[in-house]
C-alpha cells in the first residue's frame, strides 16, 4: 500500500498541450470578434453533441488517478456557456456573456489525492512566473473528499482545490508554474505556458 506522501506530495511537471494558435495568449480584454468566435465554436460543438468541458484548458494527466486539473479563461468560459446553452436549445444572454468577459479573476482547479476523507482541507495554491509568486484571492477545497476507484488501496480519496487569481496580478503571456501545497507537506507543480491559451 502506498502512503499519502507518494500520491499527494511530489513533483509533477507537466506541459499543457494546446491545439490553439501558438501565437495566442490568455485574452484579458477580448474583442467583439473574439467573443463571437468563442460563441460560434460553442454552438458548433453543441450541434455535434460535444461536451462543454472541451473548452477547459487542461494540464497534468487525463487518467482517473492522475494528478492534474484545468483553468478557465474568459474566452474559454464564453465557449463553455455557448455550448451549455445550445445543448438546451437556447442562446446566452448579453448579460451572461458580459459577466464572463468582465470577470476580474481566472479559476484554476486541481485534483489531488490522499488517504483520508479530509486530507485536502487547508490546501493552498499559487502561480509562479519567473520566481514571482502570485497569490489567489480565494481558495476553495473539498472538505469531504470522495473515494477513488483504487479504494481501499491507496490513493483512497480525491479532492479538488479551486483558486481564483486576479487577471491584474499575473502575466497572461508567461510560462507559469501552478503549485499546490497539500496540508500534509510538500508541493505539486504543473508547468503551463499561458501563451498557448486564449
N, C-alpha and C. Protein backbone atom coordinates (compact mmCIF):
# COMPACT_ATOMS: atom_id res chain seq x y z
N UNK A 1 0.84 -1.18 0.00
CA UNK A 1 0.00 0.00 0.00
C UNK A 1 0.88 1.25 0.00
N UNK A 2 0.57 2.20 -0.87
CA UNK A 2 1.38 3.41 -0.94
C UNK A 2 0.91 4.43 0.07
N UNK A 3 1.82 5.23 0.55
CA UNK A 3 1.46 6.24 1.55
C UNK A 3 0.93 7.49 0.87
N UNK A 4 0.32 8.36 1.68
CA UNK A 4 -0.18 9.64 1.16
C UNK A 4 0.95 10.40 0.51
N UNK A 5 2.14 10.29 1.09
CA UNK A 5 3.28 11.02 0.55
C UNK A 5 3.60 10.67 -0.88
N UNK A 6 3.36 9.42 -1.28
CA UNK A 6 3.63 9.03 -2.66
C UNK A 6 2.63 9.60 -3.64
N UNK A 7 1.45 9.95 -3.14
CA UNK A 7 0.40 10.44 -4.04
C UNK A 7 0.15 11.92 -3.94
N UNK A 8 0.10 12.45 -2.74
CA UNK A 8 -0.28 13.85 -2.57
C UNK A 8 0.91 14.79 -2.50
N UNK A 9 2.12 14.25 -2.41
CA UNK A 9 3.29 15.09 -2.32
C UNK A 9 4.28 14.64 -3.38
N UNK A 10 4.87 15.58 -4.07
CA UNK A 10 5.86 15.22 -5.08
C UNK A 10 5.98 16.30 -6.12
N UNK A 11 6.66 15.99 -7.17
CA UNK A 11 6.87 16.95 -8.23
C UNK A 11 6.23 16.41 -9.50
N UNK A 12 5.29 17.17 -10.07
CA UNK A 12 4.59 16.73 -11.27
C UNK A 12 4.66 17.84 -12.30
N UNK A 13 5.76 17.92 -13.00
CA UNK A 13 5.90 18.95 -14.03
C UNK A 13 5.30 18.42 -15.33
N UNK A 14 4.26 19.08 -15.76
CA UNK A 14 3.55 18.62 -16.94
C UNK A 14 3.28 19.83 -17.82
N UNK A 15 3.56 19.70 -19.11
CA UNK A 15 3.32 20.81 -20.01
C UNK A 15 1.97 20.65 -20.69
N UNK A 16 1.22 21.76 -20.71
CA UNK A 16 -0.08 21.77 -21.33
C UNK A 16 0.08 21.68 -22.84
N UNK A 17 -0.65 20.77 -23.44
CA UNK A 17 -0.63 20.65 -24.90
C UNK A 17 -1.86 21.35 -25.44
N UNK A 18 -1.65 22.26 -26.34
CA UNK A 18 -2.76 23.04 -26.85
C UNK A 18 -2.86 22.91 -28.36
N UNK A 19 -4.10 22.88 -28.83
CA UNK A 19 -4.32 22.83 -30.27
C UNK A 19 -4.61 24.23 -30.81
N UNK A 20 -4.58 25.21 -29.93
CA UNK A 20 -4.87 26.57 -30.36
C UNK A 20 -3.64 27.17 -31.05
N UNK A 21 -3.85 28.31 -31.65
CA UNK A 21 -2.79 29.06 -32.32
C UNK A 21 -1.70 29.38 -31.31
N UNK A 22 -0.42 28.96 -31.58
CA UNK A 22 0.65 29.19 -30.62
C UNK A 22 0.96 30.66 -30.39
N UNK A 23 0.48 31.55 -31.28
CA UNK A 23 0.72 32.97 -31.08
C UNK A 23 -0.32 33.58 -30.16
N UNK A 24 -1.30 32.79 -29.73
CA UNK A 24 -2.35 33.28 -28.85
C UNK A 24 -1.81 33.42 -27.43
N UNK A 25 -2.60 34.00 -26.57
CA UNK A 25 -2.28 34.09 -25.14
C UNK A 25 -3.60 34.28 -24.42
N UNK A 26 -3.59 34.16 -23.11
CA UNK A 26 -4.83 34.39 -22.37
C UNK A 26 -5.29 35.81 -22.66
N UNK A 27 -6.49 35.94 -23.17
CA UNK A 27 -7.01 37.24 -23.57
C UNK A 27 -7.77 37.87 -22.41
N UNK A 28 -7.20 38.94 -21.86
CA UNK A 28 -7.80 39.62 -20.72
C UNK A 28 -8.90 40.57 -21.17
N UNK A 29 -8.73 41.16 -22.36
CA UNK A 29 -9.71 42.10 -22.90
C UNK A 29 -10.12 41.65 -24.30
N UNK A 30 -10.95 40.60 -24.40
CA UNK A 30 -11.31 40.08 -25.72
C UNK A 30 -12.12 41.08 -26.54
N UNK A 31 -11.87 41.06 -27.85
CA UNK A 31 -12.60 41.93 -28.77
C UNK A 31 -13.96 41.32 -29.07
N UNK A 32 -14.83 42.11 -29.70
CA UNK A 32 -16.16 41.61 -30.09
C UNK A 32 -16.01 40.43 -31.04
N UNK A 33 -15.03 40.50 -31.94
CA UNK A 33 -14.81 39.41 -32.89
C UNK A 33 -14.39 38.13 -32.16
N UNK A 34 -13.46 38.26 -31.20
CA UNK A 34 -13.01 37.09 -30.44
C UNK A 34 -14.17 36.47 -29.65
N UNK A 35 -15.01 37.32 -29.09
CA UNK A 35 -16.17 36.82 -28.33
C UNK A 35 -17.12 36.07 -29.27
N UNK A 36 -17.35 36.63 -30.46
CA UNK A 36 -18.25 35.98 -31.41
C UNK A 36 -17.69 34.63 -31.87
N UNK A 37 -16.38 34.57 -32.10
CA UNK A 37 -15.75 33.30 -32.48
C UNK A 37 -15.93 32.27 -31.36
N UNK A 38 -15.75 32.70 -30.10
CA UNK A 38 -15.92 31.80 -28.97
C UNK A 38 -17.37 31.31 -28.86
N UNK A 39 -18.33 32.20 -29.11
CA UNK A 39 -19.74 31.81 -29.10
C UNK A 39 -20.04 30.83 -30.23
N UNK A 40 -19.52 31.12 -31.42
CA UNK A 40 -19.78 30.25 -32.58
C UNK A 40 -19.21 28.85 -32.38
N UNK A 41 -18.00 28.76 -31.83
CA UNK A 41 -17.42 27.43 -31.66
C UNK A 41 -18.18 26.63 -30.62
N UNK A 42 -18.75 27.32 -29.63
CA UNK A 42 -19.58 26.63 -28.64
C UNK A 42 -20.86 26.10 -29.26
N UNK A 43 -21.46 26.90 -30.11
CA UNK A 43 -22.70 26.48 -30.79
C UNK A 43 -22.44 25.31 -31.71
N UNK A 44 -21.33 25.34 -32.44
CA UNK A 44 -20.96 24.25 -33.34
C UNK A 44 -20.70 22.97 -32.54
N UNK A 45 -20.01 23.11 -31.41
CA UNK A 45 -19.72 21.95 -30.56
C UNK A 45 -21.02 21.30 -30.08
N UNK A 46 -21.99 22.12 -29.69
CA UNK A 46 -23.27 21.59 -29.23
C UNK A 46 -23.99 20.86 -30.35
N UNK A 47 -23.93 21.41 -31.56
CA UNK A 47 -24.58 20.75 -32.70
C UNK A 47 -23.97 19.38 -32.98
N UNK A 48 -22.70 19.21 -32.58
CA UNK A 48 -22.01 17.93 -32.75
C UNK A 48 -22.06 17.09 -31.47
N UNK A 49 -22.90 17.52 -30.51
CA UNK A 49 -23.10 16.81 -29.23
C UNK A 49 -21.79 16.64 -28.46
N UNK A 50 -20.94 17.68 -28.49
CA UNK A 50 -19.68 17.65 -27.76
C UNK A 50 -19.86 18.28 -26.38
N UNK A 51 -19.01 17.91 -25.46
CA UNK A 51 -19.10 18.40 -24.08
C UNK A 51 -18.57 19.83 -23.96
N UNK A 52 -19.22 20.65 -23.14
CA UNK A 52 -18.70 22.00 -22.87
C UNK A 52 -17.32 21.97 -22.22
N UNK A 53 -17.00 20.88 -21.55
CA UNK A 53 -15.72 20.79 -20.85
C UNK A 53 -14.52 20.77 -21.79
N UNK A 54 -14.75 20.57 -23.08
CA UNK A 54 -13.62 20.57 -24.01
C UNK A 54 -12.95 21.94 -24.06
N UNK A 55 -13.63 22.98 -23.61
CA UNK A 55 -13.07 24.33 -23.66
C UNK A 55 -12.25 24.67 -22.43
N UNK A 56 -12.18 23.75 -21.47
CA UNK A 56 -11.29 23.94 -20.33
C UNK A 56 -9.85 23.75 -20.82
N UNK A 57 -8.94 24.56 -20.33
CA UNK A 57 -7.51 24.38 -20.65
C UNK A 57 -6.94 23.41 -19.61
N UNK A 58 -6.70 22.17 -20.04
CA UNK A 58 -6.29 21.11 -19.12
C UNK A 58 -4.77 20.99 -19.00
N UNK A 59 -4.33 20.54 -17.84
CA UNK A 59 -2.92 20.26 -17.61
C UNK A 59 -2.82 19.03 -16.73
N UNK A 60 -1.66 18.38 -16.76
CA UNK A 60 -1.48 17.16 -15.99
C UNK A 60 -2.03 15.95 -16.73
N UNK A 61 -2.23 14.87 -16.01
CA UNK A 61 -2.71 13.64 -16.62
C UNK A 61 -4.21 13.64 -16.85
N UNK A 62 -4.66 12.72 -17.71
CA UNK A 62 -6.08 12.60 -18.03
C UNK A 62 -6.74 11.40 -17.37
N UNK A 63 -5.92 10.53 -16.75
CA UNK A 63 -6.47 9.33 -16.14
C UNK A 63 -7.18 9.63 -14.83
N UNK A 64 -8.02 8.69 -14.41
CA UNK A 64 -8.82 8.89 -13.21
C UNK A 64 -7.98 9.04 -11.95
N UNK A 65 -6.78 8.46 -11.95
CA UNK A 65 -5.91 8.54 -10.78
C UNK A 65 -4.66 9.39 -11.05
N UNK A 66 -4.75 10.26 -12.06
CA UNK A 66 -3.63 11.14 -12.40
C UNK A 66 -3.81 12.51 -11.75
N UNK A 67 -2.71 13.09 -11.29
CA UNK A 67 -2.73 14.46 -10.84
C UNK A 67 -2.94 15.37 -12.05
N UNK A 68 -3.71 16.41 -11.89
CA UNK A 68 -3.94 17.33 -12.99
C UNK A 68 -5.08 18.27 -12.68
N UNK A 69 -5.46 19.05 -13.67
CA UNK A 69 -6.55 19.98 -13.48
C UNK A 69 -6.83 20.78 -14.72
N UNK A 70 -7.46 21.93 -14.52
CA UNK A 70 -7.80 22.79 -15.66
C UNK A 70 -7.95 24.22 -15.17
N UNK A 71 -7.90 25.13 -16.13
CA UNK A 71 -8.24 26.52 -15.85
C UNK A 71 -9.23 26.98 -16.90
N UNK A 72 -9.97 28.01 -16.57
CA UNK A 72 -10.98 28.52 -17.49
C UNK A 72 -10.69 29.99 -17.75
N UNK A 73 -10.37 30.31 -19.00
CA UNK A 73 -10.12 31.69 -19.40
C UNK A 73 -11.45 32.36 -19.75
N UNK A 74 -11.41 33.65 -20.04
CA UNK A 74 -12.63 34.36 -20.41
C UNK A 74 -13.25 33.79 -21.69
N UNK A 75 -12.43 33.63 -22.73
CA UNK A 75 -12.97 33.12 -24.00
C UNK A 75 -13.35 31.65 -23.87
N UNK A 76 -12.60 30.89 -23.09
CA UNK A 76 -12.99 29.51 -22.83
C UNK A 76 -14.33 29.46 -22.13
N UNK A 77 -14.53 30.35 -21.16
CA UNK A 77 -15.80 30.41 -20.44
C UNK A 77 -16.96 30.77 -21.35
N UNK A 78 -16.73 31.67 -22.32
CA UNK A 78 -17.78 32.03 -23.28
C UNK A 78 -18.16 30.81 -24.13
N UNK A 79 -17.16 30.03 -24.55
CA UNK A 79 -17.45 28.83 -25.33
C UNK A 79 -18.17 27.77 -24.50
N UNK A 80 -17.78 27.65 -23.23
CA UNK A 80 -18.48 26.72 -22.33
C UNK A 80 -19.94 27.12 -22.21
N UNK A 81 -20.19 28.41 -21.97
CA UNK A 81 -21.55 28.91 -21.84
C UNK A 81 -22.35 28.67 -23.11
N UNK A 82 -21.76 28.99 -24.27
CA UNK A 82 -22.47 28.82 -25.55
C UNK A 82 -22.82 27.36 -25.79
N UNK A 83 -21.89 26.46 -25.45
CA UNK A 83 -22.15 25.03 -25.65
C UNK A 83 -23.27 24.56 -24.73
N UNK A 84 -23.19 24.92 -23.45
CA UNK A 84 -24.24 24.55 -22.48
C UNK A 84 -25.61 25.01 -22.96
N UNK A 85 -25.69 26.28 -23.34
CA UNK A 85 -26.97 26.85 -23.75
C UNK A 85 -27.50 26.21 -25.03
N UNK A 86 -26.62 26.04 -26.01
CA UNK A 86 -27.05 25.46 -27.29
C UNK A 86 -27.52 24.02 -27.12
N UNK A 87 -26.92 23.28 -26.19
CA UNK A 87 -27.37 21.91 -25.93
C UNK A 87 -28.80 21.88 -25.39
N UNK A 88 -29.24 23.02 -24.84
CA UNK A 88 -30.62 23.14 -24.33
C UNK A 88 -31.53 23.87 -25.31
N UNK A 89 -30.97 24.19 -26.50
CA UNK A 89 -31.76 24.89 -27.50
C UNK A 89 -31.92 26.37 -27.20
N UNK A 90 -31.00 26.93 -26.43
CA UNK A 90 -31.07 28.34 -26.04
C UNK A 90 -29.83 29.09 -26.51
N UNK A 91 -29.87 30.42 -26.37
CA UNK A 91 -28.71 31.25 -26.66
C UNK A 91 -28.33 32.02 -25.40
N UNK A 92 -27.04 32.26 -25.18
CA UNK A 92 -26.63 33.03 -24.00
C UNK A 92 -27.15 34.45 -24.08
N UNK A 93 -27.53 35.01 -22.95
CA UNK A 93 -27.97 36.40 -22.93
C UNK A 93 -26.75 37.32 -22.95
N UNK A 94 -26.98 38.56 -23.33
CA UNK A 94 -25.91 39.55 -23.34
C UNK A 94 -25.34 39.73 -21.93
N UNK A 95 -26.22 39.65 -20.93
CA UNK A 95 -25.78 39.81 -19.53
C UNK A 95 -24.87 38.65 -19.11
N UNK A 96 -25.21 37.43 -19.52
CA UNK A 96 -24.39 36.27 -19.20
C UNK A 96 -23.01 36.38 -19.83
N UNK A 97 -22.98 36.80 -21.08
CA UNK A 97 -21.70 36.96 -21.79
C UNK A 97 -20.87 38.05 -21.14
N UNK A 98 -21.50 39.17 -20.82
CA UNK A 98 -20.79 40.29 -20.20
C UNK A 98 -20.20 39.89 -18.85
N UNK A 99 -20.94 39.07 -18.10
CA UNK A 99 -20.44 38.64 -16.80
C UNK A 99 -19.13 37.87 -16.93
N UNK A 100 -19.03 37.02 -17.95
CA UNK A 100 -17.80 36.26 -18.19
C UNK A 100 -16.67 37.15 -18.70
N UNK A 101 -16.99 38.01 -19.65
CA UNK A 101 -15.97 38.86 -20.28
C UNK A 101 -15.44 39.90 -19.29
N UNK A 102 -16.30 40.35 -18.37
CA UNK A 102 -15.89 41.38 -17.41
C UNK A 102 -15.29 40.80 -16.13
N UNK A 103 -15.18 39.48 -16.05
CA UNK A 103 -14.65 38.84 -14.84
C UNK A 103 -13.25 39.36 -14.54
N UNK A 104 -12.97 39.55 -13.28
CA UNK A 104 -11.64 40.04 -12.88
C UNK A 104 -10.73 38.90 -12.45
N UNK A 105 -11.27 37.68 -12.33
CA UNK A 105 -10.45 36.55 -11.89
C UNK A 105 -10.56 35.36 -12.84
N UNK A 106 -9.53 34.54 -12.82
CA UNK A 106 -9.48 33.30 -13.58
C UNK A 106 -9.45 32.14 -12.58
N UNK A 107 -10.29 31.14 -12.82
CA UNK A 107 -10.33 29.98 -11.93
C UNK A 107 -9.35 28.91 -12.37
N UNK A 108 -8.66 28.32 -11.39
CA UNK A 108 -7.77 27.19 -11.63
C UNK A 108 -8.21 26.07 -10.68
N UNK A 109 -8.46 24.89 -11.24
CA UNK A 109 -8.91 23.75 -10.44
C UNK A 109 -7.92 22.60 -10.58
N UNK A 110 -7.48 22.03 -9.44
CA UNK A 110 -6.52 20.93 -9.44
C UNK A 110 -7.08 19.78 -8.62
N UNK A 111 -6.91 18.54 -9.14
CA UNK A 111 -7.33 17.33 -8.43
C UNK A 111 -6.11 16.76 -7.72
N UNK A 112 -6.27 16.47 -6.42
CA UNK A 112 -5.19 15.86 -5.65
C UNK A 112 -5.71 14.60 -4.95
N UNK A 113 -4.80 13.79 -4.45
CA UNK A 113 -5.16 12.50 -3.85
C UNK A 113 -4.57 12.34 -2.46
N UNK A 114 -5.27 11.59 -1.63
CA UNK A 114 -4.80 11.30 -0.28
C UNK A 114 -5.52 10.10 0.29
N UNK A 115 -5.25 9.80 1.54
CA UNK A 115 -5.80 8.58 2.14
C UNK A 115 -6.68 8.83 3.35
N UNK A 116 -7.26 10.03 3.45
CA UNK A 116 -8.26 10.29 4.49
C UNK A 116 -9.31 11.24 3.92
N UNK A 117 -10.54 11.17 4.39
CA UNK A 117 -11.63 11.98 3.81
C UNK A 117 -11.39 13.48 3.86
N UNK A 118 -10.67 13.97 4.85
CA UNK A 118 -10.45 15.42 4.99
C UNK A 118 -9.01 15.82 4.65
N UNK A 119 -8.31 14.98 3.87
CA UNK A 119 -6.88 15.21 3.63
C UNK A 119 -6.59 16.54 2.94
N UNK A 120 -7.53 17.08 2.15
CA UNK A 120 -7.25 18.28 1.34
C UNK A 120 -7.51 19.58 2.09
N UNK A 121 -8.17 19.52 3.22
CA UNK A 121 -8.52 20.73 3.96
C UNK A 121 -7.24 21.53 4.26
N UNK A 122 -7.35 22.85 4.01
CA UNK A 122 -6.24 23.78 4.20
C UNK A 122 -5.15 23.67 3.14
N UNK A 123 -5.46 23.03 2.00
CA UNK A 123 -4.52 23.07 0.86
C UNK A 123 -4.47 24.50 0.33
N UNK A 124 -3.39 24.84 -0.36
CA UNK A 124 -3.21 26.19 -0.87
C UNK A 124 -2.64 26.11 -2.29
N UNK A 125 -2.80 27.17 -3.06
CA UNK A 125 -2.30 27.19 -4.44
C UNK A 125 -1.72 28.56 -4.75
N UNK A 126 -0.61 28.59 -5.52
CA UNK A 126 -0.05 29.83 -6.02
C UNK A 126 0.37 29.63 -7.48
N UNK A 127 0.54 30.74 -8.18
CA UNK A 127 1.14 30.74 -9.51
C UNK A 127 2.55 31.29 -9.35
N UNK A 128 3.50 30.70 -10.09
CA UNK A 128 4.86 31.22 -10.10
C UNK A 128 5.21 31.61 -11.52
N UNK A 129 5.64 32.85 -11.68
CA UNK A 129 6.05 33.35 -13.01
C UNK A 129 7.43 33.96 -12.86
N UNK A 130 8.44 33.21 -13.30
CA UNK A 130 9.81 33.70 -13.24
C UNK A 130 10.28 34.01 -11.83
N UNK A 131 9.86 33.22 -10.86
CA UNK A 131 10.27 33.43 -9.48
C UNK A 131 9.36 34.35 -8.70
N UNK A 132 8.36 34.92 -9.35
CA UNK A 132 7.40 35.79 -8.66
C UNK A 132 6.15 34.99 -8.32
N UNK A 133 5.82 34.92 -7.03
CA UNK A 133 4.66 34.16 -6.58
C UNK A 133 3.41 35.04 -6.64
N UNK A 134 2.37 34.53 -7.30
CA UNK A 134 1.09 35.22 -7.38
C UNK A 134 0.11 34.48 -6.49
N UNK A 135 -0.41 35.16 -5.48
CA UNK A 135 -1.33 34.55 -4.54
C UNK A 135 -2.77 34.67 -5.06
N UNK A 136 -3.60 33.69 -4.72
CA UNK A 136 -5.01 33.75 -5.14
C UNK A 136 -5.82 34.70 -4.25
N UNK A 137 -6.95 35.16 -4.77
CA UNK A 137 -7.85 35.97 -3.95
C UNK A 137 -8.77 35.06 -3.13
N UNK A 138 -9.04 33.86 -3.64
CA UNK A 138 -9.81 32.87 -2.88
C UNK A 138 -9.26 31.48 -3.18
N UNK A 139 -9.40 30.58 -2.22
CA UNK A 139 -9.09 29.16 -2.42
C UNK A 139 -10.23 28.37 -1.80
N UNK A 140 -10.78 27.44 -2.59
CA UNK A 140 -11.87 26.58 -2.14
C UNK A 140 -11.39 25.15 -2.20
N UNK A 141 -11.68 24.35 -1.19
CA UNK A 141 -11.21 22.97 -1.13
C UNK A 141 -12.37 22.07 -0.75
N UNK A 142 -12.41 20.86 -1.33
CA UNK A 142 -13.40 19.88 -0.91
C UNK A 142 -13.10 19.50 0.54
N UNK A 143 -14.02 19.79 1.45
CA UNK A 143 -13.84 19.43 2.85
C UNK A 143 -13.99 17.93 3.08
N UNK A 144 -14.81 17.32 2.23
CA UNK A 144 -15.03 15.87 2.31
C UNK A 144 -14.65 15.29 0.95
N UNK A 145 -13.51 14.63 0.90
CA UNK A 145 -13.04 14.04 -0.36
C UNK A 145 -13.89 12.82 -0.71
N UNK A 146 -13.91 12.48 -2.00
CA UNK A 146 -14.68 11.28 -2.41
C UNK A 146 -13.73 10.12 -2.65
N UNK A 147 -14.27 8.93 -2.54
CA UNK A 147 -13.45 7.74 -2.75
C UNK A 147 -13.02 7.61 -4.20
N UNK A 148 -11.81 7.10 -4.40
CA UNK A 148 -11.31 6.84 -5.75
C UNK A 148 -11.67 5.42 -6.17
N UNK A 149 -11.40 5.10 -7.41
CA UNK A 149 -11.62 3.73 -7.91
C UNK A 149 -10.58 2.77 -7.35
N UNK A 150 -9.52 3.30 -6.74
CA UNK A 150 -8.49 2.44 -6.14
C UNK A 150 -8.90 1.93 -4.76
N UNK A 151 -9.92 2.55 -4.16
CA UNK A 151 -10.36 2.18 -2.82
C UNK A 151 -10.52 0.68 -2.70
N UNK A 152 -10.06 -0.01 -1.66
CA UNK A 152 -9.47 0.54 -0.44
C UNK A 152 -7.95 0.71 -0.52
N UNK A 153 -7.38 0.49 -1.70
CA UNK A 153 -5.94 0.72 -1.86
C UNK A 153 -5.69 2.22 -1.97
N UNK A 154 -4.42 2.60 -1.85
CA UNK A 154 -4.02 4.00 -1.96
C UNK A 154 -3.85 4.37 -3.44
N UNK A 155 -4.26 5.55 -3.86
CA UNK A 155 -4.87 6.62 -3.08
C UNK A 155 -6.37 6.36 -2.87
N UNK A 156 -6.82 6.51 -1.67
CA UNK A 156 -8.20 6.19 -1.33
C UNK A 156 -9.18 7.31 -1.66
N UNK A 157 -8.71 8.57 -1.62
CA UNK A 157 -9.61 9.70 -1.79
C UNK A 157 -9.07 10.72 -2.78
N UNK A 158 -9.99 11.44 -3.41
CA UNK A 158 -9.62 12.52 -4.32
C UNK A 158 -10.42 13.76 -3.97
N UNK A 159 -9.79 14.91 -4.11
CA UNK A 159 -10.45 16.18 -3.80
C UNK A 159 -9.97 17.26 -4.77
N UNK A 160 -10.76 18.32 -4.86
CA UNK A 160 -10.41 19.45 -5.72
C UNK A 160 -9.96 20.63 -4.90
N UNK A 161 -8.95 21.32 -5.43
CA UNK A 161 -8.52 22.60 -4.88
C UNK A 161 -8.78 23.62 -5.98
N UNK A 162 -9.62 24.62 -5.71
CA UNK A 162 -10.00 25.60 -6.73
C UNK A 162 -9.61 26.99 -6.23
N UNK A 163 -8.81 27.69 -7.03
CA UNK A 163 -8.34 29.02 -6.65
C UNK A 163 -8.70 30.03 -7.73
N UNK A 164 -8.97 31.26 -7.30
CA UNK A 164 -9.26 32.36 -8.22
C UNK A 164 -8.11 33.35 -8.16
N UNK A 165 -7.56 33.68 -9.35
CA UNK A 165 -6.43 34.61 -9.44
C UNK A 165 -6.85 35.85 -10.22
N UNK A 166 -6.50 37.02 -9.69
CA UNK A 166 -6.81 38.28 -10.35
C UNK A 166 -6.01 38.40 -11.65
N UNK A 167 -6.70 38.68 -12.75
CA UNK A 167 -6.00 38.90 -14.02
C UNK A 167 -4.95 40.00 -13.89
N UNK A 168 -5.24 41.00 -13.08
CA UNK A 168 -4.31 42.13 -12.92
C UNK A 168 -3.01 41.72 -12.22
N UNK A 169 -3.02 40.56 -11.56
CA UNK A 169 -1.86 40.15 -10.77
C UNK A 169 -0.84 39.30 -11.53
N UNK A 170 -1.23 38.71 -12.67
CA UNK A 170 -0.31 37.83 -13.38
C UNK A 170 -0.16 38.22 -14.84
N UNK A 171 0.92 37.74 -15.45
CA UNK A 171 1.20 38.00 -16.86
C UNK A 171 0.48 36.94 -17.69
N UNK A 172 -0.50 37.32 -18.52
CA UNK A 172 -1.26 36.35 -19.30
C UNK A 172 -0.49 35.74 -20.47
N UNK A 173 0.76 36.16 -20.66
CA UNK A 173 1.60 35.64 -21.75
C UNK A 173 2.74 34.77 -21.26
N UNK A 174 2.85 34.57 -19.96
CA UNK A 174 4.06 33.97 -19.40
C UNK A 174 3.97 32.46 -19.19
N UNK A 175 5.15 31.82 -19.22
CA UNK A 175 5.25 30.44 -18.74
C UNK A 175 4.98 30.51 -17.24
N UNK A 176 4.14 29.61 -16.77
CA UNK A 176 3.67 29.69 -15.38
C UNK A 176 3.73 28.32 -14.74
N UNK A 177 4.09 28.27 -13.48
CA UNK A 177 4.02 27.03 -12.72
C UNK A 177 2.90 27.16 -11.70
N UNK A 178 1.94 26.25 -11.80
CA UNK A 178 0.85 26.18 -10.82
C UNK A 178 1.33 25.24 -9.72
N UNK A 179 1.36 25.73 -8.50
CA UNK A 179 1.84 24.92 -7.38
C UNK A 179 0.75 24.78 -6.33
N UNK A 180 0.49 23.53 -5.95
CA UNK A 180 -0.48 23.23 -4.88
C UNK A 180 0.31 22.73 -3.68
N UNK A 181 -0.04 23.25 -2.51
CA UNK A 181 0.59 22.85 -1.26
C UNK A 181 -0.43 22.09 -0.41
N UNK A 182 -0.38 20.76 -0.41
CA UNK A 182 -1.27 20.00 0.47
C UNK A 182 -0.88 20.23 1.92
N UNK A 183 -1.84 20.13 2.84
CA UNK A 183 -1.52 20.38 4.25
C UNK A 183 -0.58 19.35 4.86
N UNK A 184 -0.43 18.19 4.18
CA UNK A 184 0.47 17.15 4.67
C UNK A 184 1.93 17.47 4.38
N UNK A 185 2.18 18.56 3.61
CA UNK A 185 3.54 18.96 3.29
C UNK A 185 3.88 18.68 1.84
N UNK A 186 4.99 19.23 1.40
CA UNK A 186 5.43 19.06 0.02
C UNK A 186 4.66 19.96 -0.92
N UNK A 187 4.80 19.70 -2.22
CA UNK A 187 4.12 20.52 -3.22
C UNK A 187 3.92 19.72 -4.49
N UNK A 188 2.90 20.10 -5.24
CA UNK A 188 2.60 19.52 -6.55
C UNK A 188 2.72 20.64 -7.56
N UNK A 189 3.52 20.43 -8.63
CA UNK A 189 3.80 21.51 -9.57
C UNK A 189 3.38 21.11 -10.99
N UNK A 190 2.76 22.07 -11.69
CA UNK A 190 2.34 21.87 -13.07
C UNK A 190 2.81 23.07 -13.90
N UNK A 191 3.60 22.83 -14.92
CA UNK A 191 4.08 23.90 -15.78
C UNK A 191 3.10 24.11 -16.93
N UNK A 192 2.67 25.35 -17.11
CA UNK A 192 1.70 25.71 -18.14
C UNK A 192 2.20 26.95 -18.86
N UNK A 193 2.13 26.93 -20.19
CA UNK A 193 2.52 28.09 -20.97
C UNK A 193 1.27 28.88 -21.31
N UNK A 194 1.04 29.99 -20.61
CA UNK A 194 -0.16 30.79 -20.85
C UNK A 194 -0.22 31.32 -22.27
N UNK A 195 0.92 31.40 -22.94
CA UNK A 195 0.93 31.92 -24.30
C UNK A 195 0.24 30.97 -25.28
N UNK A 196 0.05 29.70 -24.86
CA UNK A 196 -0.61 28.73 -25.72
C UNK A 196 -2.13 28.71 -25.52
N UNK A 197 -2.62 29.55 -24.63
CA UNK A 197 -4.05 29.60 -24.35
C UNK A 197 -4.65 30.84 -24.98
N UNK A 198 -5.96 31.01 -24.78
CA UNK A 198 -6.61 32.26 -25.22
C UNK A 198 -7.70 32.66 -24.28
